[in-house]
Protein backbone atom coordinates (compact mmCIF):
# COMPACT_ATOMS: atom_id res chain seq x y z
CA MET A 1 0.01 -0.01 0.00
CA LEU A 2 1.28 3.45 -0.82
CA GLN A 3 1.72 5.52 2.27
CA LYS A 4 0.86 8.84 0.77
CA LYS A 5 -0.41 11.73 2.84
CA ILE A 6 -3.22 13.88 1.47
CA GLY A 7 -3.43 17.53 2.45
CA ARG A 8 -6.63 19.22 3.86
CA ARG A 9 -7.19 21.20 0.68
CA GLN A 10 -6.88 18.10 -1.55
CA PHE A 11 -9.20 16.13 0.70
CA LEU A 12 -11.95 18.82 0.71
CA GLN A 13 -11.68 19.34 -3.06
CA SER A 14 -12.17 15.59 -3.55
CA ALA A 15 -15.11 15.51 -1.16
CA MET A 16 -16.82 18.35 -2.90
CA THR A 17 -16.49 16.87 -6.34
CA VAL A 18 -17.21 13.19 -5.62
CA GLY A 19 -20.95 13.67 -6.06
CA ALA A 20 -20.44 14.91 -9.56
CA GLY A 21 -18.73 11.75 -10.80
CA ALA A 22 -21.67 10.24 -12.61
CA ALA A 23 -22.67 13.56 -14.17
CA LEU A 24 -19.12 14.15 -15.37
CA ALA A 25 -18.89 10.66 -16.80
CA GLY A 26 -22.15 11.20 -18.80
CA GLN A 27 -20.89 14.55 -20.05
CA ALA A 28 -17.64 13.02 -21.23
CA ALA A 29 -19.43 10.30 -23.18
CA THR A 30 -21.68 12.91 -24.87
CA THR A 31 -18.71 15.11 -25.76
CA PHE A 32 -16.79 12.09 -27.19
CA ALA A 33 -19.74 11.27 -29.48
CA ALA A 34 -19.76 14.78 -30.93
CA GLU A 35 -17.78 15.46 -34.14
CA LYS A 36 -15.76 18.10 -32.33
CA PRO A 37 -15.32 18.70 -28.58
CA SER A 38 -16.40 22.33 -29.06
CA GLU A 39 -19.70 21.20 -30.56
CA ALA A 40 -21.14 19.66 -27.37
CA PRO A 41 -24.90 20.29 -27.10
CA ALA A 42 -25.99 23.67 -25.83
CA THR A 43 -27.66 22.13 -22.78
CA ILE A 44 -24.33 20.77 -21.61
CA ARG A 45 -22.58 24.07 -22.14
CA SER A 46 -25.32 25.79 -20.25
CA ALA A 47 -25.06 23.39 -17.33
CA GLU A 48 -21.24 23.91 -17.20
CA ALA A 49 -21.73 27.69 -16.87
CA GLU A 50 -24.53 27.47 -14.33
CA GLU A 51 -23.91 29.09 -10.96
CA ILE A 52 -25.42 27.93 -7.65
CA ARG A 53 -27.28 30.86 -6.09
CA ALA A 54 -26.68 31.20 -2.36
CA VAL A 55 -28.55 34.08 -0.68
CA GLY A 56 -27.49 35.45 2.73
CA ILE A 57 -30.15 37.28 4.71
CA PHE A 58 -28.56 39.28 7.51
CA PRO A 59 -29.23 42.43 9.61
CA ILE A 60 -26.33 44.41 8.18
CA SER A 61 -27.50 48.04 8.70
CA GLY A 62 -29.73 47.89 11.82
CA PHE A 63 -29.14 47.94 15.57
CA ILE A 64 -27.76 44.41 15.70
CA ALA A 65 -25.37 45.03 12.74
CA ALA A 66 -22.41 43.89 14.84
CA ASP A 67 -23.98 40.44 14.84
CA GLY A 68 -25.16 40.73 11.24
CA ILE A 69 -21.67 41.38 9.92
CA GLU A 70 -20.36 38.38 11.79
CA MET A 71 -23.09 36.18 10.20
CA ARG A 72 -22.23 37.55 6.75
CA ASN A 73 -18.49 37.17 7.19
CA GLY A 74 -18.77 33.49 8.21
CA THR A 75 -21.01 32.69 5.29
CA VAL A 76 -18.84 34.47 2.74
CA MET A 77 -15.72 32.84 4.17
CA ALA A 78 -17.08 29.40 3.65
CA ILE A 79 -18.38 30.10 0.14
CA ASP A 80 -15.03 31.66 -0.85
CA GLU A 81 -13.16 28.63 0.41
CA LEU A 82 -15.50 26.29 -1.54
CA ASN A 83 -15.05 28.31 -4.68
CA GLU A 84 -11.26 28.25 -4.23
CA LEU A 85 -11.51 24.47 -4.06
CA GLY A 86 -13.36 24.34 -7.36
CA GLY A 87 -16.90 24.99 -6.27
CA LEU A 88 -19.62 22.36 -5.97
CA LEU A 89 -20.14 19.67 -8.61
CA GLY A 90 -18.05 21.71 -11.01
CA LYS A 91 -20.13 24.94 -10.43
CA LYS A 92 -19.22 28.09 -8.73
CA ILE A 93 -21.34 29.42 -5.87
CA LYS A 94 -22.67 32.91 -6.32
CA TYR A 95 -23.25 34.80 -3.07
CA ILE A 96 -26.13 37.22 -3.03
CA GLU A 97 -26.79 39.40 -0.01
CA VAL A 98 -30.12 40.73 1.27
CA ASP A 99 -30.08 43.15 4.22
CA ASP A 100 -33.08 42.74 6.53
CA VAL A 101 -32.00 45.74 8.62
CA ASP A 102 -33.27 45.11 12.15
CA SER A 103 -34.52 41.62 11.33
CA VAL A 104 -38.06 42.17 12.55
CA GLY A 105 -41.60 41.88 11.21
CA ASP A 106 -42.17 42.83 7.58
CA GLN A 107 -38.43 43.22 7.06
CA ILE A 108 -38.12 39.46 7.37
CA THR A 109 -41.02 38.73 5.09
CA THR A 110 -39.80 41.16 2.44
CA ALA A 111 -36.27 39.78 2.57
CA PHE A 112 -37.29 36.13 2.12
CA LYS A 113 -39.72 36.83 -0.63
CA ARG A 114 -37.03 38.74 -2.50
CA ALA A 115 -34.55 35.90 -1.98
CA ILE A 116 -36.99 33.39 -3.50
CA GLU A 117 -38.89 35.38 -6.07
CA VAL A 118 -36.30 37.83 -7.30
CA GLU A 119 -32.86 36.29 -6.55
CA LYS A 120 -34.04 32.65 -7.31
CA ALA A 121 -32.18 31.18 -4.34
CA ASP A 122 -30.98 27.62 -4.45
CA VAL A 123 -30.27 27.92 -0.75
CA ILE A 124 -30.76 30.60 1.93
CA PHE A 125 -28.55 31.22 4.91
CA SER A 126 -29.23 33.37 7.92
CA GLY A 127 -28.31 33.70 11.55
CA TYR A 128 -31.11 34.58 13.94
CA HIS A 129 -34.14 36.84 13.57
CA LEU A 130 -35.66 38.94 16.32
CA THR A 131 -39.27 38.13 15.39
CA SER A 132 -38.57 34.84 13.64
CA ALA A 133 -41.52 32.84 12.26
CA PRO A 134 -42.72 34.15 8.85
CA GLU A 135 -39.68 32.87 7.01
CA PHE A 136 -40.44 29.24 7.88
CA ASP A 137 -43.70 29.14 5.95
CA ILE A 138 -42.26 31.20 3.09
CA CYS A 139 -39.39 28.76 2.59
CA ALA A 140 -41.57 25.71 3.16
CA GLU A 141 -44.21 26.75 0.62
CA ALA A 142 -41.47 27.48 -1.97
CA GLY A 143 -39.59 24.24 -1.15
CA VAL A 144 -36.30 26.19 -0.93
CA LEU A 145 -33.40 24.98 1.28
CA TYR A 146 -32.88 27.20 4.32
CA TYR A 147 -30.13 26.84 6.93
CA ASN A 148 -30.11 29.10 9.99
CA ASN A 149 -28.88 29.56 13.58
CA ASN A 150 -32.21 30.73 15.07
CA THR A 151 -31.63 28.69 18.28
CA GLN A 152 -35.35 28.11 18.89
CA LYS A 153 -37.32 25.33 20.60
CA ALA A 154 -40.25 26.97 18.86
CA TRP A 155 -38.72 25.85 15.60
CA THR A 156 -38.31 22.18 16.61
CA ASP A 157 -41.88 22.20 17.97
CA ARG A 158 -43.02 23.56 14.56
CA TYR A 159 -41.00 21.04 12.58
CA ALA A 160 -42.20 18.09 14.73
CA SER A 161 -45.82 19.15 14.15
CA ASN A 162 -45.49 18.92 10.34
CA PRO A 163 -42.17 17.44 9.09
CA GLU A 164 -43.63 16.91 5.57
CA LYS A 165 -44.11 20.66 5.24
CA TYR A 166 -40.84 21.85 6.78
CA TRP A 167 -38.38 19.29 5.28
CA SER A 168 -36.25 21.99 3.60
CA ILE A 169 -35.34 23.93 6.75
CA PHE A 170 -32.44 23.19 9.16
CA GLN A 171 -31.43 24.93 12.36
CA THR A 172 -27.73 24.22 12.60
CA ASP A 173 -27.45 24.81 16.26
CA PRO A 174 -29.19 23.59 19.41
CA ASN A 175 -32.36 25.08 20.94
CA ASP A 176 -32.47 27.97 23.39
CA GLU A 177 -33.91 25.76 26.14
CA TRP A 178 -30.35 24.67 26.87
CA TYR A 179 -29.21 28.19 27.70
CA GLY A 180 -31.26 28.68 30.87
CA GLY A 181 -31.65 25.06 31.98
CA GLY A 182 -28.02 24.25 31.16
CA PHE A 183 -26.69 27.18 33.16
CA ALA A 184 -28.77 26.07 36.19
CA PHE A 185 -27.05 22.70 35.96
CA TYR A 186 -23.62 24.42 35.82
CA LEU A 187 -24.52 26.62 38.79
CA ASN A 188 -25.27 23.54 40.87
CA TYR A 189 -21.95 22.05 39.73
CA LEU A 190 -20.08 25.13 41.04
CA VAL A 191 -21.79 24.75 44.41
CA ASP A 192 -21.42 20.98 44.62
CA THR A 193 -17.66 21.19 43.84
CA GLY A 194 -17.10 24.01 46.35
CA GLN A 195 -16.00 26.53 43.73
CA PHE A 196 -18.82 28.80 44.76
CA LYS A 197 -20.12 28.89 48.34
CA PRO A 198 -23.05 31.36 48.52
CA PRO A 199 -24.66 31.93 51.89
CA LYS A 200 -28.03 31.19 50.34
CA LYS A 201 -29.10 29.65 46.97
CA THR A 202 -30.93 32.70 45.70
CA ALA A 203 -31.24 34.11 42.20
CA TYR A 204 -32.53 37.31 40.67
CA ILE A 205 -33.53 37.39 36.99
CA LEU A 206 -33.40 40.39 34.61
CA HIS A 207 -34.52 39.51 31.14
CA GLY A 208 -35.52 41.12 27.85
CA ASP A 209 -39.23 41.24 27.23
CA ASP A 210 -38.88 39.63 23.74
CA THR A 211 -39.79 35.97 23.24
CA TYR A 212 -36.16 34.81 23.02
CA ASP A 213 -34.88 36.44 26.19
CA ALA A 214 -38.03 35.73 28.20
CA PHE A 215 -37.89 32.08 27.27
CA ILE A 216 -34.29 31.72 28.43
CA GLY A 217 -35.14 33.47 31.71
CA ARG A 218 -38.10 31.21 32.19
CA THR A 219 -36.17 27.98 31.55
CA PHE A 220 -33.45 29.07 33.99
CA MET A 221 -36.05 29.87 36.60
CA GLU A 222 -37.81 26.52 36.19
CA GLN A 223 -34.62 24.46 36.37
CA ALA A 224 -33.11 26.53 39.18
CA GLN A 225 -36.28 26.16 41.32
CA ALA A 226 -36.28 22.38 40.66
CA SER A 227 -32.72 22.31 42.03
CA GLY A 228 -33.54 24.17 45.21
CA TRP A 229 -32.80 27.74 44.21
CA GLU A 230 -35.07 30.56 45.45
CA ILE A 231 -36.00 33.17 42.83
CA ILE A 232 -36.18 36.45 44.77
CA GLY A 233 -36.85 38.75 41.72
CA ASN A 234 -37.84 38.51 38.10
CA GLU A 235 -38.04 41.70 36.10
CA ALA A 236 -38.31 42.47 32.38
CA PHE A 237 -36.93 45.26 30.20
CA THR A 238 -36.97 46.16 26.50
CA VAL A 239 -33.73 45.29 24.79
CA GLY A 240 -31.93 48.30 23.41
CA LYS A 241 -34.19 50.73 25.28
CA VAL A 242 -32.66 50.93 28.72
CA SER A 243 -30.89 54.28 29.10
CA ASP A 244 -30.13 53.83 32.81
CA TRP A 245 -29.72 50.46 34.55
CA GLY A 246 -29.88 52.02 38.00
CA PRO A 247 -33.65 51.47 38.60
CA LEU A 248 -33.38 47.83 37.46
CA LEU A 249 -30.33 47.18 39.64
CA SER A 250 -31.61 49.02 42.69
CA PRO A 251 -33.79 46.07 44.06
CA VAL A 252 -30.94 43.68 43.29
CA ARG A 253 -28.63 45.79 45.49
CA ASP A 254 -31.21 45.99 48.24
CA ASN A 255 -31.30 42.19 48.59
CA PRO A 256 -28.17 40.73 46.96
CA PRO A 257 -28.75 37.35 45.30
CA ALA A 258 -26.13 34.66 44.98
CA ILE A 259 -26.51 34.90 41.17
CA LEU A 260 -27.80 37.72 39.05
CA PHE A 261 -29.01 36.01 35.85
CA THR A 262 -29.47 38.43 33.00
CA THR A 263 -30.45 37.82 29.37
CA THR A 264 -30.18 40.21 26.53
CA TYR A 265 -28.63 39.45 23.12
CA ASN A 266 -27.47 43.06 22.72
CA PRO A 267 -23.73 43.54 23.57
CA ALA A 268 -24.20 47.22 24.21
CA ASP A 269 -26.91 46.51 26.78
CA ASN A 270 -24.63 44.02 28.53
CA ALA A 271 -21.67 46.40 28.57
CA ALA A 272 -23.73 49.26 29.94
CA MET A 273 -25.22 47.01 32.59
CA ILE A 274 -21.93 45.63 33.92
CA LYS A 275 -20.26 49.01 33.99
CA GLN A 276 -23.12 50.39 36.21
CA PHE A 277 -23.08 47.25 38.32
CA THR A 278 -19.33 47.40 39.05
CA ALA A 279 -19.54 51.05 39.95
CA ASN A 280 -21.44 49.90 43.06
CA PRO A 281 -20.99 46.13 43.24
CA ILE A 282 -22.62 43.53 45.54
CA PRO A 283 -21.60 39.99 46.48
CA SER A 284 -23.25 38.28 43.51
CA ILE A 285 -21.90 36.46 40.52
CA ILE A 286 -23.15 37.75 37.22
CA TYR A 287 -24.36 35.82 34.12
CA GLN A 288 -24.95 37.81 30.92
CA GLN A 289 -25.94 35.02 28.52
CA TYR A 290 -24.86 35.53 24.94
CA GLY A 291 -24.07 39.28 24.34
CA PRO A 292 -20.48 39.24 25.63
CA SER A 293 -19.53 36.77 22.81
CA VAL A 294 -19.65 39.67 20.35
CA PRO A 295 -16.29 41.49 20.08
CA GLU A 296 -18.04 44.88 20.53
CA TYR A 297 -18.78 43.91 24.17
CA LEU A 298 -15.18 43.94 25.49
CA GLU A 299 -14.47 47.15 23.65
CA LEU A 300 -17.39 48.82 25.45
CA ALA A 301 -17.12 47.18 28.85
CA GLY A 302 -13.37 47.17 29.35
CA ASP A 303 -12.10 46.09 32.75
CA ALA A 304 -15.66 45.98 34.18
CA ALA A 305 -16.23 42.73 32.21
CA ASN A 306 -13.71 40.80 34.31
CA GLY A 307 -15.56 38.09 36.24
CA VAL A 308 -18.65 38.00 34.03
CA LEU A 309 -20.00 34.63 32.99
CA TRP A 310 -21.67 34.15 29.62
CA ALA A 311 -22.53 31.17 27.39
CA THR A 312 -23.52 30.08 23.97
CA VAL A 313 -24.85 26.88 22.46
CA LEU A 314 -23.22 27.96 19.19
CA GLY A 315 -19.59 28.76 19.80
CA TYR A 316 -16.30 27.85 18.16
CA LEU A 317 -14.34 25.34 20.22
CA PRO A 318 -10.86 26.35 21.43
CA ASP A 319 -9.22 23.28 19.87
CA LYS A 320 -7.03 22.83 16.84
CA ILE A 321 -9.96 23.15 14.39
CA GLY A 322 -11.29 26.22 16.09
CA GLU A 323 -7.97 27.98 16.49
CA GLU A 324 -6.96 27.29 12.80
CA TRP A 325 -10.32 28.71 11.71
CA ARG A 326 -9.86 31.82 13.88
CA ALA A 327 -6.46 32.48 12.28
CA ARG A 328 -7.88 32.17 8.78
CA TYR A 329 -10.77 34.51 9.71
CA LYS A 330 -8.37 37.16 11.07
CA ALA A 331 -6.18 36.89 7.97
CA LYS A 332 -9.21 37.35 5.76
CA TYR A 333 -10.99 40.18 7.59
CA GLY A 334 -8.25 41.75 9.71
CA VAL A 335 -10.26 41.39 12.93
CA GLU A 336 -10.85 38.70 15.52
CA ALA A 337 -13.97 36.60 15.02
CA GLY A 338 -16.79 36.59 17.56
CA TRP A 339 -17.57 33.32 19.27
CA ALA A 340 -20.97 32.47 17.74
CA ASN A 341 -22.35 33.97 14.60
CA ALA A 342 -19.31 33.85 12.31
CA PRO A 343 -18.36 30.24 13.05
CA GLY A 344 -22.03 29.21 13.17
CA ASN A 345 -22.78 30.48 9.71
CA TYR A 346 -19.53 29.12 8.41
CA ASP A 347 -20.59 25.68 9.63
CA SER A 348 -24.06 26.06 8.08
CA VAL A 349 -22.59 26.54 4.60
CA TRP A 350 -20.43 23.45 5.01
CA VAL A 351 -23.35 21.27 6.13
CA TRP A 352 -25.27 22.30 3.03
CA ALA A 353 -22.23 21.93 0.72
CA LYS A 354 -21.40 18.40 1.85
CA SER A 355 -25.06 17.47 1.43
CA VAL A 356 -25.06 18.83 -2.16
CA ALA A 357 -21.92 16.87 -2.93
CA MET A 358 -23.45 13.67 -1.69
CA ALA A 359 -26.77 14.30 -3.39
CA GLY A 360 -25.00 14.97 -6.74
CA ASP A 361 -27.40 17.68 -7.76
CA HIS A 362 -27.78 21.04 -6.15
CA LYS A 363 -31.26 21.43 -7.64
CA ASP A 364 -32.58 18.25 -6.09
CA TYR A 365 -33.46 20.00 -2.88
CA LYS A 366 -35.23 17.08 -1.29
CA ARG A 367 -32.28 14.79 -1.86
CA VAL A 368 -29.95 17.49 -0.42
CA ALA A 369 -32.18 17.72 2.65
CA GLN A 370 -32.14 13.94 3.07
CA TRP A 371 -28.32 13.99 3.17
CA SER A 372 -28.32 16.81 5.76
CA GLU A 373 -30.65 14.69 7.89
CA ARG A 374 -28.15 11.75 7.77
CA MET A 375 -24.85 13.45 8.16
CA ILE A 376 -22.63 14.32 11.06
CA HIS A 377 -20.53 17.35 10.33
CA ARG A 378 -17.56 18.07 12.57
CA GLY A 379 -17.26 21.82 12.27
CA VAL A 380 -15.76 24.79 14.05
CA THR A 381 -18.65 24.73 16.57
CA GLY A 382 -18.53 21.05 17.26
CA SER A 383 -20.42 18.16 15.71
CA ILE A 384 -23.65 18.93 14.01
CA SER A 385 -26.13 16.03 13.85
CA PHE A 386 -29.80 16.77 13.54
CA GLU A 387 -32.71 15.90 15.75
CA ASN A 388 -35.99 17.46 14.57
CA HIS A 389 -33.92 19.42 12.08
CA ALA A 390 -31.92 21.19 14.80
CA GLY A 391 -28.44 20.54 16.19
CA ARG A 392 -28.02 18.54 19.41
CA CYS A 393 -26.57 20.10 22.52
CA TYR A 394 -23.60 18.61 24.35
CA PRO A 395 -23.61 17.74 27.29
CA TRP A 396 -27.30 18.35 28.14
CA GLN A 397 -29.03 16.75 25.16
CA THR A 398 -26.35 14.13 24.35
CA ASN A 399 -23.34 13.09 26.43
CA ASP A 400 -21.42 12.14 23.27
CA SER A 401 -19.40 15.12 22.13
CA SER A 402 -19.00 13.55 18.70
CA LEU A 403 -22.74 14.08 18.11
CA GLY A 404 -23.29 17.54 19.56
CA GLN A 405 -22.38 21.20 19.70
CA SER A 406 -21.13 22.22 23.08
CA HIS A 407 -22.94 24.59 25.47
CA ILE A 408 -19.76 26.34 26.27
CA ILE A 409 -19.74 28.46 29.45
CA VAL A 410 -17.17 31.23 29.49
CA GLN A 411 -15.81 33.60 32.16
CA ILE A 412 -14.00 36.75 31.27
CA GLN A 413 -10.69 36.86 33.15
CA ASN A 414 -8.11 39.67 32.61
CA LYS A 415 -10.18 40.69 29.58
CA GLN A 416 -9.78 37.28 28.04
CA HIS A 417 -12.51 34.67 27.37
CA VAL A 418 -11.83 31.52 29.35
CA VAL A 419 -13.94 28.47 28.70
CA VAL A 420 -14.80 26.98 32.14
CA ALA A 421 -17.22 24.22 30.90
CA PRO A 422 -17.73 21.62 29.54
CA ASP A 423 -14.85 19.23 29.41
CA PRO A 424 -12.91 18.45 27.22
CA TYR A 425 -13.00 22.03 25.91
CA THR A 426 -12.11 23.97 29.06
CA THR A 427 -9.21 26.42 28.92
CA GLY A 428 -9.28 27.40 32.64
CA SER A 429 -11.29 27.31 35.83
CA PHE A 430 -13.98 29.42 37.37
CA GLN A 431 -12.81 32.28 39.59
CA LEU A 432 -14.82 34.42 41.99
CA PRO A 433 -15.21 37.83 40.26
CA PRO A 434 -12.94 40.67 41.44
CA TRP A 435 -15.87 42.60 42.97
CA TYR A 436 -17.10 39.58 45.01
CA LYS A 437 -16.73 39.75 48.80
CA ALA A 438 -18.91 37.23 50.62
């Protein structure tokens, strides 16, 4: 046997073209039968020139543009890499962008209808939407492939209710239910291992009044209560509309909880909140959910961020695959990647691309979807394998890290993101925050 090593680039190029073998063989036979190679039938020449149309729908110009740009960058990076490897099935992928501004209401409906009716999308990619729902029926009725990172249990409930209708849609990350419930499990772990010794198991919840943030707050409350924690406060606010966090933090300071659990996806909100909190701190540990994963957060929060806990069910892993990807991202864009949206959308493109390669026809959307259902893709964010057309969560939904994407829990220490759970992806240990004095 020849002991010949194959490089990553060669391997991926082979994987992306293997599905085209039969088509290429048929094309060669037809060309050989023609009197001259240049006189191949027009239908073949047309197929050779055909581009695969990939539409990205992202909030590029609205108030969550910091996230939208990350989504776009990850998608474009994957498509560029695929095209550099020769494309898919001998065809180049054409990236088409649609800006849905703030990603709410009619902006979503308009963007998806344009992607399908005007741009003639073969596949649509997006991150999350703030009022997600209308796009599911739009894509389902059109039978267009749609891969997203919406992080919604509401999606898997919808899919399970009618899989025949929603076959073309895939959420390439786990559900939001694992944010709140998973962090409650981790909190118990800190107490059980003696890393955190609160005088009382009490929690205060501050959550956005949108569906996403409220759901995460509720799932944390339910699991924490089931584990013996007392919820001593539960207040809502409107994301992006809090000009002064003092009134919301005042009752927290009056009766300090062991854990202040906050949830807002907006990094500017999170930064403003922690700066006001540390100006007059109390003996509580602080969880800020997802917002600190966006690079903008540390720029705004500075030293006040040290000690904050945050988490994501869609984050790049700090292993060889993740670090190599980060280096390529920085070389391409000149900035560090955020933890979630850039790698998440990058992985979405590769899930679709591998499915196309195996299906052998990018236009056979049902066959592409069937391959997505069957595959396990080890990406930057972990292993993506689908249950009810959504990724599985490790370690809460599956204890096999080769089948799931990790719910990584991170603490900011010395203005660096340190992964404190789960094993085997930890890069450090939990520390009591600098403001904490029991």
